[in-house]
């Protein structure tokens, strides 16, 4: 029963790490999409590239700013999981 609790805890921690890793990219992209959608609705411009290119630029900037922190977060989680493997084999 102890290992079942462990795996549930790992799953919860994995979901939390996933949320922390994706939030710095998804939130600015969603905000950029909302702002661009409002601008397109106000100006009646229905060009698809007008909304895609700015969102792509926002995602690239966010990856440049937060990519290192996201990588460290995922690496720490992976290292912690691998460090716990010997405890499970006992």
C-alpha atoms as a PDB file:
ATOM      1  CA  UNK A   1       0.000   0.000   0.000  1.00  0.00           C
ATOM      2  CA  UNK A   2       2.935   2.279   0.639  1.00  0.00           C
ATOM      3  CA  UNK A   3       4.057   2.154  -3.001  1.00  0.00           C
ATOM      4  CA  UNK A   4       0.546   3.064  -4.180  1.00  0.00           C
ATOM      5  CA  UNK A   5       0.674   6.241  -2.098  1.00  0.00           C
ATOM      6  CA  UNK A   6       4.118   6.952  -3.488  1.00  0.00           C
ATOM      7  CA  UNK A   7       2.944   6.688  -7.091  1.00  0.00           C
ATOM      8  CA  UNK A   8      -0.071   8.879  -6.415  1.00  0.00           C
ATOM      9  CA  UNK A   9       2.264  11.465  -4.911  1.00  0.00           C
ATOM     10  CA  UNK A  10       4.556  11.257  -7.933  1.00  0.00           C
ATOM     11  CA  UNK A  11       1.585  11.712 -10.267  1.00  0.00           C
ATOM     12  CA  UNK A  12       0.435  14.777  -8.315  1.00  0.00           C
ATOM     13  CA  UNK A  13       3.931  16.209  -8.345  1.00  0.00           C
ATOM     14  CA  UNK A  14       4.243  15.518 -12.089  1.00  0.00           C
ATOM     15  CA  UNK A  15       1.008  17.394 -12.788  1.00  0.00           C
ATOM     16  CA  UNK A  16       2.198  20.325 -10.678  1.00  0.00           C
ATOM     17  CA  UNK A  17       5.556  20.421 -12.505  1.00  0.00           C
ATOM     18  CA  UNK A  18       3.679  20.252 -15.816  1.00  0.00           C
ATOM     19  CA  UNK A  19       1.507  23.206 -14.827  1.00  0.00           C
ATOM     20  CA  UNK A  20       4.524  25.226 -13.698  1.00  0.00           C
ATOM     21  CA  UNK A  21       6.445  24.395 -16.866  1.00  0.00           C
ATOM     22  CA  UNK A  22       3.672  25.295 -19.305  1.00  0.00           C
ATOM     23  CA  UNK A  23       2.185  28.352 -17.589  1.00  0.00           C
ATOM     24  CA  UNK A  24       4.970  30.820 -18.568  1.00  0.00           C
ATOM     25  CA  UNK A  25       4.392  29.926 -22.219  1.00  0.00           C
ATOM     26  CA  UNK A  26       0.635  29.340 -22.409  1.00  0.00           C
ATOM     27  CA  UNK A  27      -0.590  32.343 -20.421  1.00  0.00           C
ATOM     28  CA  UNK A  28       1.195  34.999 -22.539  1.00  0.00           C
ATOM     29  CA  UNK A  29       0.160  33.171 -25.728  1.00  0.00           C
ATOM     30  CA  UNK A  30      -3.471  33.135 -24.586  1.00  0.00           C
ATOM     31  CA  UNK A  31      -3.358  36.825 -23.674  1.00  0.00           C
ATOM     32  CA  UNK A  32      -1.753  37.693 -27.024  1.00  0.00           C
ATOM     33  CA  UNK A  33      -4.438  35.680 -28.819  1.00  0.00           C
ATOM     34  CA  UNK A  34      -7.195  37.444 -26.904  1.00  0.00           C
ATOM     35  CA  UNK A  35      -5.779  40.900 -27.626  1.00  0.00           C
ATOM     36  CA  UNK A  36      -5.198  40.105 -31.282  1.00  0.00           C
ATOM     37  CA  UNK A  37      -8.682  38.619 -31.571  1.00  0.00           C
ATOM     38  CA  UNK A  38     -10.211  41.795 -30.184  1.00  0.00           C
ATOM     39  CA  UNK A  39      -8.157  43.913 -32.587  1.00  0.00           C
ATOM     40  CA  UNK A  40      -9.205  41.733 -35.513  1.00  0.00           C
ATOM     41  CA  UNK A  41     -12.851  41.920 -34.462  1.00  0.00           C
ATOM     42  CA  UNK A  42     -12.681  45.694 -34.122  1.00  0.00           C
ATOM     43  CA  UNK A  43     -10.992  46.209 -37.484  1.00  0.00           C
ATOM     44  CA  UNK A  44     -12.755  43.363 -39.361  1.00  0.00           C
ATOM     45  CA  UNK A  45      -9.426  42.002 -40.581  1.00  0.00           C
ATOM     46  CA  UNK A  46      -9.705  38.226 -40.954  1.00  0.00           C
ATOM     47  CA  UNK A  47      -6.157  37.378 -41.982  1.00  0.00           C
ATOM     48  CA  UNK A  48      -4.916  34.182 -40.275  1.00  0.00           C
ATOM     49  CA  UNK A  49      -1.231  35.106 -40.361  1.00  0.00           C
ATOM     50  CA  UNK A  50      -1.994  38.334 -38.541  1.00  0.00           C
ATOM     51  CA  UNK A  51      -2.872  36.364 -35.419  1.00  0.00           C
ATOM     52  CA  UNK A  52      -0.379  33.500 -35.868  1.00  0.00           C
ATOM     53  CA  UNK A  53       2.881  35.417 -36.286  1.00  0.00           C
ATOM     54  CA  UNK A  54       2.555  37.642 -33.178  1.00  0.00           C
ATOM     55  CA  UNK A  55       1.610  34.634 -31.028  1.00  0.00           C
ATOM     56  CA  UNK A  56       4.613  32.769 -32.414  1.00  0.00           C
ATOM     57  CA  UNK A  57       6.842  35.714 -31.513  1.00  0.00           C
ATOM     58  CA  UNK A  58       5.376  35.869 -27.986  1.00  0.00           C
ATOM     59  CA  UNK A  59       5.991  32.146 -27.483  1.00  0.00           C
ATOM     60  CA  UNK A  60       9.569  32.483 -28.756  1.00  0.00           C
ATOM     61  CA  UNK A  61      10.256  35.382 -26.377  1.00  0.00           C
ATOM     62  CA  UNK A  62       8.750  33.462 -23.447  1.00  0.00           C
ATOM     63  CA  UNK A  63      10.858  30.413 -24.282  1.00  0.00           C
ATOM     64  CA  UNK A  64      13.957  32.596 -24.419  1.00  0.00           C
ATOM     65  CA  UNK A  65      13.125  34.183 -21.059  1.00  0.00           C
ATOM     66  CA  UNK A  66      11.799  31.188 -19.147  1.00  0.00           C
ATOM     67  CA  UNK A  67      13.287  28.226 -21.024  1.00  0.00           C
ATOM     68  CA  UNK A  68      16.233  27.829 -18.647  1.00  0.00           C
ATOM     69  CA  UNK A  69      14.025  27.890 -15.567  1.00  0.00           C
ATOM     70  CA  UNK A  70      11.635  25.373 -17.121  1.00  0.00           C
ATOM     71  CA  UNK A  71      14.520  23.079 -18.005  1.00  0.00           C
ATOM     72  CA  UNK A  72      15.888  23.277 -14.440  1.00  0.00           C
ATOM     73  CA  UNK A  73      12.422  22.524 -13.042  1.00  0.00           C
ATOM     74  CA  UNK A  74      12.014  19.439 -15.210  1.00  0.00           C
ATOM     75  CA  UNK A  75      15.601  18.284 -14.561  1.00  0.00           C
ATOM     76  CA  UNK A  76      15.147  18.608 -10.784  1.00  0.00           C
ATOM     77  CA  UNK A  77      11.916  16.617 -10.938  1.00  0.00           C
ATOM     78  CA  UNK A  78      13.570  13.895 -13.016  1.00  0.00           C
ATOM     79  CA  UNK A  79      16.586  13.762 -10.707  1.00  0.00           C
ATOM     80  CA  UNK A  80      14.300  13.459  -7.683  1.00  0.00           C
ATOM     81  CA  UNK A  81      12.391  10.600  -9.303  1.00  0.00           C
ATOM     82  CA  UNK A  82      15.618   8.756 -10.145  1.00  0.00           C
ATOM     83  CA  UNK A  83      16.939   9.306  -6.611  1.00  0.00           C
ATOM     84  CA  UNK A  84      13.835   7.608  -5.185  1.00  0.00           C
ATOM     85  CA  UNK A  85      14.220   4.435  -7.277  1.00  0.00           C
ATOM     86  CA  UNK A  86      16.430   2.615  -4.713  1.00  0.00           C
ATOM     87  CA  UNK A  87      13.808   3.203  -2.017  1.00  0.00           C
ATOM     88  CA  UNK A  88      11.215   1.351  -4.110  1.00  0.00           C
ATOM     89  CA  UNK A  89      13.415  -1.686  -4.715  1.00  0.00           C
ATOM     90  CA  UNK A  90      13.926  -2.378  -1.009  1.00  0.00           C
END
